[in-house]
Structures are given as C-alpha cells and as structure tokens.
Amino acid sequence: FYVAGDCTGWGDNGMLDLSDTVHVLKEMQFAANQGFKVKYPGTWDNCYGAPSTSPITIGSPFDAVQPGENVTIGTAGTYDIYFNSAIKKICVVNTGAASPF
C-alpha cells in the first residue's frame, strides 16, 4: 500500500509492511489541516480515506472508507500512518508511538 497526500506532494509513497495486514509510513510531516489517502500504486480506483472531512483524532483508529474523504490532520506535526488492510482501519499516531494494531 501507499500514502498520497500533502505530506508526499500527492505522489505515491510506499508503506512498510510490518505483517501481511499491517502497514506503516513513518515520520510524515503535516501542516495544520492537511490530508492524505491510503491507496494502491499508480491509481485512485482503490483508495481509502476517512468517513468525513473533519480532522481525525490522533491515536484513534477509524474505519477506512472507499474512496472516502481525505484524512485530515488538524494539528501540524510529524506522524506515523498505520493501515490495517484486514480490518480496513487507519490510525495516525505521533511519531515513535507504538503501533495501534
């Protein structure tokens, strides 16, 4: 899986596979109210986003919706992005925090 968003210039940035179903992209920098989606490389046909445009709660997993809204990070900072492809959940944590999955 890949992340594309303000943190990547909307280009594909590959996630590290921690297992068959848990993927992470670490140390991504966001300004306030920037966003991203999780996707397959080279296409927007299969992408996962948030259920709403409201900023997410850092550290709280949420349902990944296809195609969904951009996942909005409300507070500027450096974050790790986790995606559990088995249960279709995304979680953004402060860089260095433990995996939520």
Protein backbone atom coordinates (compact mmCIF):
# COMPACT_ATOMS: atom_id res chain seq x y z
CA PHE A 1 0.00 0.00 0.00
CA TYR A 2 0.96 3.63 -0.49
CA VAL A 3 0.17 7.02 1.03
CA ALA A 4 -0.53 10.03 -1.18
CA GLY A 5 -1.25 13.43 0.29
CA ASP A 6 0.03 16.83 1.23
CA CYS A 7 2.92 15.09 3.02
CA THR A 8 4.05 13.44 -0.26
CA GLY A 9 3.13 16.16 -2.76
CA TRP A 10 0.23 13.83 -3.68
CA GLY A 11 2.68 11.33 -5.16
CA ASP A 12 2.72 7.68 -4.08
CA ASN A 13 4.97 6.94 -1.08
CA GLY A 14 5.29 3.23 -0.23
CA MET A 15 4.30 1.91 3.19
CA LEU A 16 6.47 -0.60 5.05
CA ASP A 17 4.78 -3.99 5.56
CA LEU A 18 5.01 -4.86 9.26
CA SER A 19 2.98 -8.02 8.56
CA ASP A 20 0.67 -9.30 5.83
CA THR A 21 -2.03 -6.91 7.06
CA VAL A 22 -0.34 -4.05 8.95
CA HIS A 23 1.45 -1.32 7.01
CA VAL A 24 3.14 1.90 8.15
CA LEU A 25 4.65 5.08 6.76
CA LYS A 26 6.74 6.83 9.40
CA GLU A 27 7.79 10.40 10.11
CA MET A 28 5.43 12.18 7.75
CA GLN A 29 5.25 15.96 8.25
CA PHE A 30 1.92 17.77 8.06
CA ALA A 31 0.90 21.39 8.37
CA ALA A 32 -2.43 22.03 10.09
CA ASN A 33 -5.47 20.78 8.15
CA GLN A 34 -3.51 18.87 5.53
CA GLY A 35 -4.63 15.45 4.34
CA PHE A 36 -3.85 12.12 2.71
CA LYS A 37 -5.32 8.82 1.50
CA VAL A 38 -4.07 5.22 1.52
CA LYS A 39 -4.06 3.66 -1.95
CA TYR A 40 -2.69 1.19 -4.41
CA PRO A 41 0.21 2.46 -6.54
CA GLY A 42 -0.47 4.42 -9.69
CA THR A 43 -4.26 4.52 -9.42
CA TRP A 44 -7.03 6.21 -7.47
CA ASP A 45 -9.52 3.41 -8.29
CA ASN A 46 -8.82 1.67 -4.97
CA CYS A 47 -8.11 4.25 -2.29
CA TYR A 48 -9.07 4.53 1.35
CA GLY A 49 -9.95 7.70 3.20
CA ALA A 50 -11.90 8.98 6.17
CA PRO A 51 -15.68 8.82 6.67
CA SER A 52 -15.88 12.64 6.97
CA THR A 53 -13.89 15.82 6.27
CA SER A 54 -13.47 16.56 10.00
CA PRO A 55 -9.94 16.31 11.38
CA ILE A 56 -9.22 12.88 12.83
CA THR A 57 -8.30 12.16 16.45
CA ILE A 58 -4.59 11.32 16.65
CA GLY A 59 -4.08 7.85 18.13
CA SER A 60 -7.65 6.64 17.49
CA PRO A 61 -8.17 4.05 14.72
CA PHE A 62 -11.06 4.79 12.36
CA ASP A 63 -12.83 2.95 9.55
CA ALA A 64 -11.11 3.34 6.19
CA VAL A 65 -13.79 4.17 3.61
CA GLN A 66 -13.53 3.66 -0.17
CA PRO A 67 -12.94 6.14 -1.67
CA GLY A 68 -13.69 8.30 1.37
CA GLU A 69 -12.70 11.85 2.15
CA ASN A 70 -9.12 13.00 2.58
CA VAL A 71 -7.86 12.03 6.04
CA THR A 72 -7.42 15.47 7.62
CA ILE A 73 -4.69 16.11 10.20
CA GLY A 74 -5.87 19.05 12.28
CA THR A 75 -2.64 19.85 14.12
CA ALA A 76 0.72 20.41 12.45
CA GLY A 77 3.34 17.82 13.36
CA THR A 78 5.23 14.69 12.43
CA TYR A 79 3.19 11.49 12.44
CA ASP A 80 3.30 7.77 11.66
CA ILE A 81 0.43 6.50 9.47
CA TYR A 82 -0.79 2.92 10.04
CA PHE A 83 -3.19 0.93 7.84
CA ASN A 84 -4.64 -2.44 8.79
CA SER A 85 -5.74 -3.95 5.49
CA ALA A 86 -7.53 -6.91 7.11
CA ILE A 87 -9.99 -4.82 9.13
CA LYS A 88 -9.77 -1.70 6.92
CA LYS A 89 -8.75 0.77 9.61
CA ILE A 90 -6.34 3.71 9.54
CA CYS A 91 -4.64 5.22 12.58
CA VAL A 92 -2.32 8.22 12.76
CA VAL A 93 -0.04 8.41 15.79
CA ASN A 94 2.67 10.76 16.98
CA THR A 95 5.98 9.64 15.53
CA GLY A 96 7.54 6.95 17.71
CA ALA A 97 4.30 5.86 19.40
CA ALA A 98 3.52 2.14 19.49
CA SER A 99 1.59 0.52 16.66
CA PRO A 100 -2.16 0.66 17.30
CA PHE A 101 -2.57 -2.71 15.55
